[in-house]
Amino acid sequence: MLLFFVLTFVIGVLSINLWRARRKLSKGPTPLPLIGNFHQLAYTCWKAGGTVAGYNEFRKKFGKVFTIWLGPLPTVHIADVEVAHETHVKRANIFGVRYSNGGTNYIREDKGVISSNGEYWLEHRRFALTTLRNFGLGRNIMEEKIMEKYRYRFQDYKRTNFKNGGIEVHASSCFDLLVGSIINTMLVSERFEQGDEEFDYMLESVERSLGRLSIFDSFTPPWILKSDWWQWRTKYVFGGLEFLLGMAKRQIERRYLNEAQSDAEDFLDAFLIKMDKDKRDGIVDSSFNLDSLAIDLFDLWLAGQETTSTTMVWACVCLLNHPEVVAELRRELLEVTGGTRCLTLRDKPNTPYLNATINEIQRIASIFNTNIFRILEEDALIDGQIVSAGAGQNRREPLKCFQVVK
């Protein structure tokens, strides 16, 4: 009997706190103590046929902005491009703090360019952008580097995969190898080749890790993930990502021990030069160190490889299913290039159909169902609804923005 009263009291207190917290948040499905909306979220996504479709159902019912409780943690979701642009671009100073308290921070430990915050994030973001621009990102220099890798890769495929009058390759493997080689060359000046066992294993293991990663893992505190009694789950989910980080560390070790570049030829060179400069300038506790370098390489490689390769696979699928689009694209490109040269960035103003096709592919491609979580540190108005910082059992509000694919 005593246990019954204790449980009733605890549930009552949790329910009252939940009711109070919901008054300071946008509307959404009614949560239960402890489990929040997990049961409704799982059922809705299953019934709708996927995560994006499930969130779209919530959007239809509750509007552009709604709250989903992931267990005891409230998350405010934005399901509209204009509202997301208003909050995360025009008011980025309010909505720019990344949530890095869960599984996202297990490997990174407040480092890198994806989940870090504050001065550290500003320094490393600025350094990454400046370095990549110096290498020609968005300019003809980088375009030629990419085209060089493209020509090499398809010449290699022509030698090894030429069948029935054409090159026969698996689209996903082809783009993984092409994109991976381009990114790796920019980062560490190393190109991947067909049959590279380490590269193949890394791709497979990272894909397994991303497939196993759940919302539950995303919010599990790092100290639990690192505990001995939780290793069975941690290794199962994060093993592939740890292998990728290990690759980055091995590349750093080879360069750091064997080479001393005076001029940066890639991102790794530029970072080591920055480290040496900070040391000479007597900067104490510089954030530019070997541990940060490994995480920066990990973030840049993971973010660039997966998203770009998946987008290109979607493009391939879309074009195969719409031969009329392929015919119109071919007509436009032949008109612009005469069929005697490669397309370049300078041709962009003269290829409106190609530009529109690329935009449409990026619109419908399912790359990342939800964006990186953000934390709201002050009260804010989102699409006419007040969202209070600190609501939800005296907890800072993580804000997640995503675009529903229609």
Protein backbone atom coordinates (compact mmCIF):
# COMPACT_ATOMS: atom_id res chain seq x y z
CA MET A 1 0.00 0.00 0.00
CA LEU A 2 2.85 2.39 0.84
CA LEU A 3 4.48 1.70 -2.51
CA PHE A 4 1.20 2.52 -4.26
CA PHE A 5 0.96 5.90 -2.51
CA VAL A 6 4.60 6.68 -3.25
CA LEU A 7 4.15 5.88 -6.94
CA THR A 8 0.93 7.90 -7.06
CA PHE A 9 2.67 10.87 -5.42
CA VAL A 10 5.66 10.71 -7.80
CA ILE A 11 3.43 10.44 -10.87
CA GLY A 12 1.31 13.32 -9.59
CA VAL A 13 4.34 15.58 -9.09
CA LEU A 14 5.70 14.69 -12.53
CA SER A 15 2.33 15.35 -14.13
CA ILE A 16 2.03 18.79 -12.47
CA ASN A 17 5.57 19.74 -13.56
CA LEU A 18 4.76 18.53 -17.08
CA TRP A 19 1.59 20.60 -17.18
CA ARG A 20 3.45 23.72 -16.02
CA ALA A 21 6.22 23.20 -18.57
CA ARG A 22 3.77 22.75 -21.45
CA ARG A 23 2.28 26.19 -20.76
CA LYS A 24 5.63 27.74 -21.75
CA LEU A 25 6.01 25.77 -24.98
CA SER A 26 4.37 25.55 -28.38
CA LYS A 27 1.44 23.21 -28.72
CA GLY A 28 1.86 19.52 -29.46
CA PRO A 29 0.60 16.03 -28.57
CA THR A 30 -0.10 15.40 -24.89
CA PRO A 31 2.95 13.75 -23.26
CA LEU A 32 3.06 11.22 -20.44
CA PRO A 33 5.40 11.49 -17.44
CA LEU A 34 8.88 10.05 -18.07
CA ILE A 35 8.18 8.64 -21.56
CA GLY A 36 6.89 11.90 -23.06
CA ASN A 37 5.59 11.43 -26.62
CA PHE A 38 7.70 8.42 -27.52
CA HIS A 39 4.67 6.19 -27.89
CA GLN A 40 2.83 8.65 -30.15
CA LEU A 41 5.97 9.43 -32.16
CA ALA A 42 6.74 5.76 -32.79
CA TYR A 43 3.15 4.95 -33.76
CA THR A 44 2.71 7.99 -36.01
CA CYS A 45 6.00 7.41 -37.87
CA TRP A 46 5.20 3.71 -38.28
CA LYS A 47 1.67 4.44 -39.54
CA ALA A 48 2.82 7.20 -41.91
CA GLY A 49 5.66 5.10 -43.29
CA GLY A 50 8.72 7.01 -42.08
CA THR A 51 10.16 9.71 -39.85
CA VAL A 52 9.58 12.62 -42.23
CA ALA A 53 6.04 11.48 -43.01
CA GLY A 54 5.36 11.08 -39.28
CA TYR A 55 6.53 14.59 -38.45
CA ASN A 56 4.44 15.85 -41.36
CA GLU A 57 1.37 14.39 -39.66
CA PHE A 58 2.18 16.37 -36.52
CA ARG A 59 2.61 19.47 -38.67
CA LYS A 60 -0.83 19.01 -40.19
CA LYS A 61 -2.39 18.70 -36.75
CA PHE A 62 -0.43 21.26 -34.70
CA GLY A 63 0.92 23.73 -37.26
CA LYS A 64 4.35 24.91 -38.34
CA VAL A 65 5.82 24.86 -34.83
CA PHE A 66 5.08 22.09 -32.33
CA THR A 67 6.60 20.42 -29.27
CA ILE A 68 7.53 16.76 -29.02
CA TRP A 69 8.66 15.40 -25.65
CA LEU A 70 11.47 12.88 -26.04
CA GLY A 71 11.10 11.28 -22.65
CA PRO A 72 11.47 14.08 -20.07
CA LEU A 73 13.14 16.38 -22.61
CA PRO A 74 10.95 18.83 -24.58
CA THR A 75 12.01 19.56 -28.17
CA VAL A 76 10.45 22.33 -30.25
CA HIS A 77 10.21 21.45 -33.94
CA ILE A 78 9.99 23.88 -36.84
CA ALA A 79 8.37 22.38 -39.92
CA ASP A 80 8.40 25.35 -42.25
CA VAL A 81 11.20 26.79 -44.38
CA GLU A 82 10.27 30.45 -43.86
CA VAL A 83 10.01 30.10 -40.08
CA ALA A 84 13.30 28.19 -39.99
CA HIS A 85 14.98 30.93 -42.04
CA GLU A 86 13.56 33.61 -39.75
CA THR A 87 14.85 31.91 -36.60
CA HIS A 88 18.10 30.26 -37.66
CA VAL A 89 19.35 32.84 -40.18
CA LYS A 90 17.88 36.24 -39.32
CA ARG A 91 17.99 35.57 -35.56
CA ALA A 92 20.95 33.21 -35.51
CA ASN A 93 22.36 34.91 -32.39
CA ILE A 94 19.43 33.52 -30.39
CA PHE A 95 19.06 30.13 -32.05
CA GLY A 96 22.71 29.34 -32.80
CA VAL A 97 23.72 27.38 -29.68
CA ARG A 98 24.08 23.68 -30.49
CA TYR A 99 22.85 20.92 -28.23
CA SER A 100 25.94 18.86 -27.44
CA ASN A 101 25.04 17.10 -24.21
CA GLY A 102 24.10 13.71 -25.65
CA GLY A 103 25.47 11.13 -28.06
CA THR A 104 26.49 13.85 -30.51
CA ASN A 105 29.22 14.80 -28.07
CA TYR A 106 30.38 11.29 -27.19
CA ILE A 107 33.27 11.31 -29.69
CA ARG A 108 33.64 15.07 -30.11
CA GLU A 109 33.87 16.13 -26.45
CA ASP A 110 32.96 19.76 -27.23
CA LYS A 111 35.40 19.88 -30.15
CA GLY A 112 34.94 20.02 -33.92
CA VAL A 113 32.68 22.22 -36.02
CA ILE A 114 29.37 20.38 -35.67
CA SER A 115 28.53 20.35 -31.95
CA SER A 116 30.93 22.87 -30.40
CA ASN A 117 29.86 26.35 -29.27
CA GLY A 118 31.18 29.75 -28.26
CA GLU A 119 34.62 31.06 -29.08
CA TYR A 120 35.92 27.59 -29.91
CA TRP A 121 33.28 27.11 -32.61
CA LEU A 122 33.91 30.58 -34.04
CA GLU A 123 37.67 30.01 -34.25
CA HIS A 124 37.46 26.60 -35.89
CA ARG A 125 34.63 27.52 -38.25
CA ARG A 126 36.51 30.63 -39.34
CA PHE A 127 39.72 28.63 -39.82
CA ALA A 128 37.98 25.89 -41.83
CA LEU A 129 36.20 28.37 -44.13
CA THR A 130 39.33 30.47 -44.66
CA THR A 131 41.49 27.43 -45.36
CA LEU A 132 39.05 25.91 -47.85
CA ARG A 133 38.61 29.25 -49.62
CA ASN A 134 42.38 29.56 -49.89
CA PHE A 135 42.35 26.18 -51.63
CA GLY A 136 39.83 27.55 -54.11
CA LEU A 137 36.48 26.44 -52.73
CA GLY A 138 33.72 27.88 -54.92
CA ARG A 139 36.23 29.09 -57.51
CA ASN A 140 37.79 27.72 -60.69
CA ILE A 141 40.79 26.36 -58.79
CA MET A 142 38.67 23.93 -56.80
CA GLU A 143 36.54 23.16 -59.85
CA GLU A 144 39.61 21.95 -61.73
CA LYS A 145 40.74 19.83 -58.78
CA ILE A 146 37.32 18.17 -58.64
CA MET A 147 37.24 17.61 -62.39
CA GLU A 148 40.72 16.10 -62.25
CA LYS A 149 39.48 13.51 -59.71
CA TYR A 150 36.35 12.96 -61.80
CA ARG A 151 38.33 12.28 -64.97
CA TYR A 152 40.73 9.98 -63.16
CA ARG A 153 37.94 7.99 -61.54
CA PHE A 154 35.99 7.37 -64.75
CA GLN A 155 39.11 6.56 -66.73
CA ASP A 156 39.81 3.98 -64.06
CA TYR A 157 36.24 2.66 -64.29
CA LYS A 158 36.55 2.49 -68.08
CA ARG A 159 39.58 0.29 -67.63
CA THR A 160 38.01 -2.01 -65.02
CA ASN A 161 34.22 -1.78 -65.45
CA PHE A 162 33.65 -1.37 -69.19
CA LYS A 163 30.91 -3.81 -70.24
CA ASN A 164 28.32 -3.96 -73.01
CA GLY A 165 29.54 -0.73 -74.58
CA GLY A 166 29.48 1.33 -71.39
CA ILE A 167 30.70 1.64 -67.82
CA GLU A 168 28.69 -0.49 -65.41
CA VAL A 169 29.01 0.51 -61.76
CA HIS A 170 26.93 0.48 -58.61
CA ALA A 171 25.77 4.09 -58.23
CA SER A 172 26.23 4.30 -54.46
CA SER A 173 29.71 2.73 -54.52
CA CYS A 174 30.73 4.93 -57.46
CA PHE A 175 29.72 8.18 -55.77
CA ASP A 176 31.10 7.10 -52.40
CA LEU A 177 34.51 6.50 -53.93
CA LEU A 178 34.44 9.66 -56.07
CA VAL A 179 33.25 11.99 -53.31
CA GLY A 180 35.41 10.33 -50.68
CA SER A 181 38.53 10.77 -52.82
CA ILE A 182 37.78 14.43 -53.51
CA ILE A 183 37.18 15.25 -49.83
CA ASN A 184 40.14 13.22 -48.62
CA THR A 185 42.42 14.95 -51.13
CA MET A 186 41.30 18.35 -49.83
CA LEU A 187 41.84 17.27 -46.23
CA VAL A 188 44.99 15.11 -46.31
CA SER A 189 46.10 14.87 -50.00
CA GLU A 190 45.33 11.15 -50.20
CA ARG A 191 43.12 9.59 -52.86
CA PHE A 192 41.18 6.36 -52.37
CA GLU A 193 41.39 3.62 -54.98
CA GLN A 194 39.07 0.79 -55.94
CA GLY A 195 39.48 -2.16 -53.62
CA ASP A 196 40.88 -0.10 -50.73
CA GLU A 197 39.90 -2.39 -47.85
CA GLU A 198 40.23 0.28 -45.16
CA PHE A 199 38.01 2.70 -47.11
CA ASP A 200 35.39 0.03 -47.84
CA TYR A 201 35.32 -1.11 -44.22
CA MET A 202 35.09 2.47 -42.98
CA LEU A 203 32.11 3.24 -45.23
CA GLU A 204 30.30 0.06 -44.18
CA SER A 205 30.95 0.62 -40.48
CA VAL A 206 29.93 4.30 -40.58
CA GLU A 207 26.75 3.38 -42.43
CA ARG A 208 25.98 0.74 -39.78
CA SER A 209 26.57 3.25 -36.98
CA LEU A 210 24.32 5.88 -38.54
CA GLY A 211 21.65 3.24 -39.13
CA ARG A 212 21.82 2.07 -35.52
CA LEU A 213 21.83 5.54 -33.98
CA SER A 214 18.48 6.34 -32.39
CA ILE A 215 16.91 9.32 -30.66
CA PHE A 216 17.57 7.51 -27.40
CA ASP A 217 21.32 7.40 -28.12
CA SER A 218 21.31 11.05 -29.17
CA PHE A 219 20.19 12.13 -25.70
CA THR A 220 22.08 9.61 -23.57
CA PRO A 221 24.69 11.56 -21.52
CA PRO A 222 28.31 10.91 -22.60
CA TRP A 223 29.28 9.75 -19.10
CA ILE A 224 26.79 6.89 -19.44
CA LEU A 225 28.00 6.05 -22.96
CA LYS A 226 31.58 5.86 -21.67
CA SER A 227 30.77 3.76 -18.60
CA ASP A 228 31.85 0.11 -18.56
CA TRP A 229 28.32 -1.17 -17.99
CA TRP A 230 27.04 0.61 -21.13
CA GLN A 231 29.81 -0.48 -23.52
CA TRP A 232 27.64 -3.18 -25.07
CA ARG A 233 25.44 -0.45 -26.55
CA THR A 234 28.15 2.14 -27.16
CA LYS A 235 30.35 -0.18 -29.25
CA TYR A 236 27.31 -1.42 -31.18
CA VAL A 237 26.20 2.11 -32.13
CA PHE A 238 29.39 4.18 -32.23
CA GLY A 239 31.95 1.58 -33.33
CA GLY A 240 31.96 2.73 -36.97
CA LEU A 241 32.36 6.39 -36.01
CA GLU A 242 35.25 5.50 -33.71
CA PHE A 243 36.92 3.69 -36.63
CA LEU A 244 36.60 6.86 -38.76
CA LEU A 245 38.15 8.91 -35.97
CA GLY A 246 40.96 6.35 -35.76
CA MET A 247 41.63 6.80 -39.49
CA ALA A 248 41.92 10.55 -38.98
CA LYS A 249 44.38 10.06 -36.11
CA ARG A 250 46.52 7.68 -38.17
CA GLN A 251 46.66 10.20 -41.03
CA ILE A 252 47.72 12.91 -38.59
CA GLU A 253 50.40 10.68 -37.08
CA ARG A 254 51.91 9.88 -40.48
CA ARG A 255 52.06 13.55 -41.45
CA TYR A 256 53.09 14.90 -38.05
CA LEU A 257 55.99 12.46 -37.63
CA ASN A 258 57.29 12.38 -41.17
CA GLU A 259 56.69 15.78 -42.72
CA ALA A 260 57.23 19.43 -41.87
CA GLN A 261 55.48 21.49 -44.55
CA SER A 262 56.21 25.21 -44.83
CA ASP A 263 53.33 25.81 -47.27
CA ALA A 264 49.88 24.33 -46.80
CA GLU A 265 48.88 21.86 -49.50
CA ASP A 266 45.79 20.60 -47.69
CA PHE A 267 43.69 21.16 -44.56
CA LEU A 268 45.97 19.00 -42.42
CA ASP A 269 49.03 21.05 -43.44
CA ALA A 270 47.22 24.32 -42.72
CA PHE A 271 46.17 23.14 -39.26
CA LEU A 272 49.69 21.99 -38.33
CA ILE A 273 51.09 25.34 -39.51
CA LYS A 274 48.48 27.12 -37.35
CA MET A 275 49.50 24.98 -34.37
CA ASP A 276 53.16 25.88 -34.89
CA LYS A 277 52.33 29.58 -35.22
CA ASP A 278 50.32 29.58 -31.98
CA LYS A 279 53.22 27.88 -30.22
CA ARG A 280 55.72 30.45 -31.52
CA ASP A 281 53.39 33.29 -30.53
CA GLY A 282 53.25 31.94 -26.98
CA ILE A 283 49.46 31.37 -27.02
CA VAL A 284 48.62 29.40 -23.88
CA ASP A 285 45.93 26.72 -24.10
CA SER A 286 45.37 27.18 -27.82
CA SER A 287 42.38 25.25 -29.14
CA PHE A 288 44.47 24.25 -32.14
CA ASN A 289 46.01 20.97 -31.03
CA LEU A 290 46.21 17.39 -32.31
CA ASP A 291 43.03 16.30 -30.54
CA SER A 292 41.06 19.16 -32.08
CA LEU A 293 42.60 18.44 -35.47
CA ALA A 294 41.39 14.83 -35.37
CA ILE A 295 37.82 15.91 -34.55
CA ASP A 296 37.84 18.65 -37.21
CA LEU A 297 38.91 16.10 -39.85
CA PHE A 298 36.27 13.68 -38.53
CA ASP A 299 33.50 16.32 -38.80
CA LEU A 300 34.51 17.65 -42.21
CA TRP A 301 34.84 14.19 -43.70
CA LEU A 302 31.66 12.76 -42.19
CA ALA A 303 29.47 15.76 -43.07
CA GLY A 304 30.82 16.17 -46.59
CA GLN A 305 30.98 12.52 -47.62
CA GLU A 306 27.59 11.27 -46.54
CA THR A 307 25.48 14.24 -47.64
CA THR A 308 27.16 14.77 -51.03
CA SER A 309 27.25 11.11 -52.01
CA THR A 310 23.62 10.56 -50.98
CA THR A 311 22.50 13.63 -52.93
CA MET A 312 24.22 12.32 -56.07
CA VAL A 313 22.59 8.91 -55.66
CA TRP A 314 19.21 10.63 -55.41
CA ALA A 315 20.03 12.60 -58.56
CA CYS A 316 20.86 9.36 -60.37
CA VAL A 317 17.57 7.75 -59.26
CA CYS A 318 15.51 10.81 -60.22
CA LEU A 319 17.07 11.06 -63.68
CA LEU A 320 16.63 7.34 -64.36
CA ASN A 321 12.95 7.70 -63.56
CA HIS A 322 12.51 10.83 -65.70
CA PRO A 323 14.14 10.31 -69.11
CA GLU A 324 12.35 13.40 -70.44
CA VAL A 325 14.37 15.52 -68.00
CA VAL A 326 17.58 13.83 -69.15
CA ALA A 327 16.71 14.64 -72.77
CA GLU A 328 16.10 18.32 -71.97
CA LEU A 329 19.29 18.52 -69.92
CA ARG A 330 21.29 17.00 -72.77
CA ARG A 331 19.81 19.49 -75.22
CA GLU A 332 20.69 22.45 -72.98
CA LEU A 333 24.22 21.25 -72.23
CA LEU A 334 25.00 20.53 -75.87
CA GLU A 335 23.77 23.98 -76.79
CA VAL A 336 26.05 25.59 -74.19
CA THR A 337 29.19 23.48 -74.63
CA GLY A 338 28.81 22.33 -78.22
CA GLY A 339 29.68 18.86 -76.99
CA THR A 340 33.39 19.68 -77.20
CA ARG A 341 34.24 20.72 -73.64
CA CYS A 342 33.26 20.17 -70.02
CA LEU A 343 30.71 22.34 -68.28
CA THR A 344 32.18 24.96 -65.92
CA LEU A 345 30.95 27.32 -63.21
CA ARG A 346 31.05 30.14 -65.75
CA ASP A 347 28.24 28.42 -67.65
CA LYS A 348 25.81 28.60 -64.74
CA PRO A 349 23.94 31.73 -66.00
CA ASN A 350 23.31 29.93 -69.32
CA THR A 351 21.95 26.67 -67.84
CA PRO A 352 18.62 27.55 -66.15
CA TYR A 353 17.13 24.09 -66.70
CA LEU A 354 20.14 22.39 -65.12
CA ASN A 355 20.02 24.79 -62.16
CA ALA A 356 16.32 24.13 -61.65
CA THR A 357 16.88 20.36 -61.86
CA ILE A 358 19.61 20.47 -59.22
CA ASN A 359 17.41 22.56 -56.93
CA GLU A 360 14.52 20.13 -57.33
CA ILE A 361 16.75 17.13 -56.58
CA GLN A 362 18.02 18.81 -53.42
CA ARG A 363 14.45 19.65 -52.42
CA ILE A 364 13.12 16.12 -52.60
CA ALA A 365 16.24 14.17 -51.64
CA SER A 366 16.05 12.56 -48.19
CA ILE A 367 19.48 13.41 -46.82
CA PHE A 368 18.95 14.18 -43.17
CA ASN A 369 15.47 13.85 -41.67
CA THR A 370 16.12 16.31 -38.87
CA ASN A 371 18.68 19.01 -38.32
CA ILE A 372 21.16 19.31 -35.46
CA PHE A 373 19.47 20.18 -32.18
CA ARG A 374 19.82 23.72 -30.84
CA ILE A 375 19.38 25.09 -27.33
CA LEU A 376 17.20 28.11 -26.66
CA GLU A 377 18.88 30.14 -23.90
CA GLU A 378 16.38 32.99 -23.73
CA ASP A 379 12.65 33.43 -24.20
CA ALA A 380 11.72 33.77 -27.86
CA LEU A 381 8.73 34.20 -30.13
CA ILE A 382 8.48 31.58 -32.88
CA ASP A 383 5.72 32.00 -35.45
CA GLY A 384 3.59 33.87 -32.93
CA GLN A 385 4.12 31.31 -30.16
CA ILE A 386 6.16 32.07 -27.04
CA VAL A 387 8.80 29.48 -26.21
CA SER A 388 10.36 30.01 -22.81
CA ALA A 389 13.94 29.12 -22.00
CA GLY A 390 14.26 27.04 -18.87
CA ALA A 391 10.79 25.53 -19.20
CA GLY A 392 10.43 21.80 -18.67
CA GLN A 393 11.59 21.01 -15.14
CA ASN A 394 14.04 23.92 -15.04
CA ARG A 395 15.75 22.65 -18.18
CA ARG A 396 17.13 24.64 -21.10
CA GLU A 397 15.07 24.06 -24.23
CA PRO A 398 16.72 22.27 -27.14
CA LEU A 399 15.32 23.55 -30.40
CA LYS A 400 15.41 21.35 -33.46
CA CYS A 401 14.74 22.72 -36.92
CA PHE A 402 13.95 20.54 -39.89
CA GLN A 403 12.28 20.83 -43.26
CA VAL A 404 9.41 18.48 -44.08
CA VAL A 405 9.88 16.85 -47.47
CA LYS A 406 6.67 17.07 -49.50
